[in-house]
Amino acid sequence: MGFKRKHSRVDVSRAGRLQRGALSAACKVIDVSESGVRLESRLFAKKGEVLHLLIELDSGKTLTCELEVVHVRAPKLGARIMAISAEDRERLAHIMDDHVQSSFSRR
């Protein structure tokens, strides 16, 4: 049938910046998982391309990572996280944990 995701997605709706070489464009990060992101941007991208992503977090912090584009349906694209620092991986884990906590508190 269809393939199953390894990790669940968390809706984040955060502003970000996508970069490919010298080209840079604003983007909206729709959701994240431990292994990837789904976002919306005007930056043209093709499957297999490597991009850099900066996500704006609360209190002026940022999260940066290197992505490989795996799916494109303009203006949205899906990408696998290829490289991320240990500090940014921890920030990503906090985003995931905060979402789980707020989901349970709404019930």
C-alpha atoms as a PDB file:
ATOM      1  CA  MET A   1       0.000   0.000   0.000  1.00  0.00           C
ATOM      2  CA  GLY A   2       1.465   3.412   0.993  1.00  0.00           C
ATOM      3  CA  PHE A   3       4.710   3.891   2.821  1.00  0.00           C
ATOM      4  CA  LYS A   4       4.785   4.589   6.547  1.00  0.00           C
ATOM      5  CA  ARG A   5       6.716   7.501   8.037  1.00  0.00           C
ATOM      6  CA  LYS A   6       9.481   6.693  10.497  1.00  0.00           C
ATOM      7  CA  HIS A   7       8.695   9.750  12.642  1.00  0.00           C
ATOM      8  CA  SER A   8       5.509  11.650  13.375  1.00  0.00           C
ATOM      9  CA  ARG A   9       5.138  15.237  12.208  1.00  0.00           C
ATOM     10  CA  VAL A  10       4.511  18.247  14.417  1.00  0.00           C
ATOM     11  CA  ASP A  11       2.771  21.350  13.059  1.00  0.00           C
ATOM     12  CA  VAL A  12       4.928  24.382  13.809  1.00  0.00           C
ATOM     13  CA  SER A  13       3.974  27.170  11.344  1.00  0.00           C
ATOM     14  CA  ARG A  14       7.212  29.086  11.895  1.00  0.00           C
ATOM     15  CA  ALA A  15       9.006  31.637   9.751  1.00  0.00           C
ATOM     16  CA  GLY A  16      12.293  30.607   8.253  1.00  0.00           C
ATOM     17  CA  ARG A  17      14.873  31.255   5.585  1.00  0.00           C
ATOM     18  CA  LEU A  18      15.857  28.811   2.857  1.00  0.00           C
ATOM     19  CA  GLN A  19      19.202  29.117   1.104  1.00  0.00           C
ATOM     20  CA  ARG A  20      20.838  27.502  -1.924  1.00  0.00           C
ATOM     21  CA  GLY A  21      24.283  28.912  -2.600  1.00  0.00           C
ATOM     22  CA  ALA A  22      23.955  32.700  -2.910  1.00  0.00           C
ATOM     23  CA  LEU A  23      20.167  32.505  -3.371  1.00  0.00           C
ATOM     24  CA  SER A  24      18.021  33.011  -0.301  1.00  0.00           C
ATOM     25  CA  ALA A  25      14.269  33.285   0.249  1.00  0.00           C
ATOM     26  CA  ALA A  26      11.825  33.509   3.110  1.00  0.00           C
ATOM     27  CA  CYS A  27       9.847  30.368   3.849  1.00  0.00           C
ATOM     28  CA  LYS A  28       7.180  29.062   6.184  1.00  0.00           C
ATOM     29  CA  VAL A  29       8.010  25.834   7.990  1.00  0.00           C
ATOM     30  CA  ILE A  30       4.702  23.943   8.055  1.00  0.00           C
ATOM     31  CA  ASP A  31       5.738  20.914  10.078  1.00  0.00           C
ATOM     32  CA  VAL A  32       8.795  19.059  11.333  1.00  0.00           C
ATOM     33  CA  SER A  33       9.745  15.559  12.394  1.00  0.00           C
ATOM     34  CA  GLU A  34      12.981  14.154  13.794  1.00  0.00           C
ATOM     35  CA  SER A  35      14.139  13.420  10.266  1.00  0.00           C
ATOM     36  CA  GLY A  36      12.589  16.057   8.010  1.00  0.00           C
ATOM     37  CA  VAL A  37      10.528  19.156   7.325  1.00  0.00           C
ATOM     38  CA  ARG A  38       7.679  20.292   5.134  1.00  0.00           C
ATOM     39  CA  LEU A  39       7.774  23.921   4.101  1.00  0.00           C
ATOM     40  CA  GLU A  40       6.456  26.516   1.704  1.00  0.00           C
ATOM     41  CA  SER A  41       8.758  28.857  -0.220  1.00  0.00           C
ATOM     42  CA  ARG A  42       9.129  30.752  -3.467  1.00  0.00           C
ATOM     43  CA  LEU A  43      12.693  29.459  -3.832  1.00  0.00           C
ATOM     44  CA  PHE A  44      12.707  27.042  -6.762  1.00  0.00           C
ATOM     45  CA  ALA A  45      13.990  23.627  -5.709  1.00  0.00           C
ATOM     46  CA  LYS A  46      14.329  20.225  -7.365  1.00  0.00           C
ATOM     47  CA  LYS A  47      14.306  16.748  -5.873  1.00  0.00           C
ATOM     48  CA  GLY A  48      17.810  15.812  -4.726  1.00  0.00           C
ATOM     49  CA  GLU A  49      18.999  19.392  -4.185  1.00  0.00           C
ATOM     50  CA  VAL A  50      20.735  20.331  -0.948  1.00  0.00           C
ATOM     51  CA  LEU A  51      19.442  23.445   0.830  1.00  0.00           C
ATOM     52  CA  HIS A  52      20.176  25.204   4.107  1.00  0.00           C
ATOM     53  CA  LEU A  53      17.294  26.073   6.421  1.00  0.00           C
ATOM     54  CA  LEU A  54      17.144  28.540   9.286  1.00  0.00           C
ATOM     55  CA  ILE A  55      14.023  28.380  11.491  1.00  0.00           C
ATOM     56  CA  GLU A  56      13.174  31.288  13.775  1.00  0.00           C
ATOM     57  CA  LEU A  57      12.309  30.084  17.273  1.00  0.00           C
ATOM     58  CA  ASP A  58      10.958  31.833  20.361  1.00  0.00           C
ATOM     59  CA  SER A  59      13.125  34.285  22.284  1.00  0.00           C
ATOM     60  CA  GLY A  60      15.254  35.151  19.252  1.00  0.00           C
ATOM     61  CA  LYS A  61      16.876  31.717  18.953  1.00  0.00           C
ATOM     62  CA  THR A  62      17.303  29.917  15.642  1.00  0.00           C
ATOM     63  CA  LEU A  63      17.680  26.353  14.437  1.00  0.00           C
ATOM     64  CA  THR A  64      19.744  25.630  11.326  1.00  0.00           C
ATOM     65  CA  CYS A  65      20.151  22.455   9.323  1.00  0.00           C
ATOM     66  CA  GLU A  66      21.093  21.117   5.913  1.00  0.00           C
ATOM     67  CA  LEU A  67      18.296  19.502   3.904  1.00  0.00           C
ATOM     68  CA  GLU A  68      17.911  17.258   0.879  1.00  0.00           C
ATOM     69  CA  VAL A  69      14.741  17.895  -1.101  1.00  0.00           C
ATOM     70  CA  VAL A  70      12.720  14.666  -1.443  1.00  0.00           C
ATOM     71  CA  HIS A  71       9.361  15.951  -2.705  1.00  0.00           C
ATOM     72  CA  VAL A  72       8.256  19.080  -4.575  1.00  0.00           C
ATOM     73  CA  ARG A  73       4.751  20.324  -5.236  1.00  0.00           C
ATOM     74  CA  ALA A  74       5.340  24.064  -5.637  1.00  0.00           C
ATOM     75  CA  PRO A  75       5.200  26.157  -3.550  1.00  0.00           C
ATOM     76  CA  LYS A  76       5.518  23.336  -0.952  1.00  0.00           C
ATOM     77  CA  LEU A  77       8.359  20.893  -0.562  1.00  0.00           C
ATOM     78  CA  GLY A  78       9.408  18.092   1.706  1.00  0.00           C
ATOM     79  CA  ALA A  79      13.008  17.573   2.724  1.00  0.00           C
ATOM     80  CA  ARG A  80      15.112  15.160   4.761  1.00  0.00           C
ATOM     81  CA  ILE A  81      17.437  16.592   7.402  1.00  0.00           C
ATOM     82  CA  MET A  82      20.946  15.657   6.277  1.00  0.00           C
ATOM     83  CA  ALA A  83      23.057  17.564   8.802  1.00  0.00           C
ATOM     84  CA  ILE A  84      22.209  19.260  12.081  1.00  0.00           C
ATOM     85  CA  SER A  85      24.357  20.217  15.070  1.00  0.00           C
ATOM     86  CA  ALA A  86      23.838  18.472  18.402  1.00  0.00           C
ATOM     87  CA  GLU A  87      22.599  21.764  19.887  1.00  0.00           C
ATOM     88  CA  ASP A  88      20.046  22.261  17.092  1.00  0.00           C
ATOM     89  CA  ARG A  89      18.973  18.594  17.300  1.00  0.00           C
ATOM     90  CA  GLU A  90      18.211  19.264  20.983  1.00  0.00           C
ATOM     91  CA  ARG A  91      16.181  22.364  20.029  1.00  0.00           C
ATOM     92  CA  LEU A  92      14.237  20.249  17.526  1.00  0.00           C
ATOM     93  CA  ALA A  93      13.548  17.675  20.252  1.00  0.00           C
ATOM     94  CA  HIS A  94      12.206  20.482  22.480  1.00  0.00           C
ATOM     95  CA  ILE A  95       9.843  21.615  19.708  1.00  0.00           C
ATOM     96  CA  MET A  96       8.552  18.038  19.446  1.00  0.00           C
ATOM     97  CA  ASP A  97       8.227  17.664  23.246  1.00  0.00           C
ATOM     98  CA  ASP A  98       6.435  21.015  23.629  1.00  0.00           C
ATOM     99  CA  HIS A  99       3.917  19.956  20.998  1.00  0.00           C
ATOM    100  CA  VAL A 100       3.241  16.647  22.752  1.00  0.00           C
ATOM    101  CA  GLN A 101       2.808  18.444  26.087  1.00  0.00           C
ATOM    102  CA  SER A 102       0.393  21.018  24.672  1.00  0.00           C
ATOM    103  CA  SER A 103      -1.584  18.279  22.868  1.00  0.00           C
ATOM    104  CA  PHE A 104      -2.153  16.422  26.120  1.00  0.00           C
ATOM    105  CA  SER A 105      -3.017  19.579  28.070  1.00  0.00           C
ATOM    106  CA  ARG A 106      -5.795  20.416  25.573  1.00  0.00           C
ATOM    107  CA  ARG A 107      -7.672  17.193  26.269  1.00  0.00           C
END
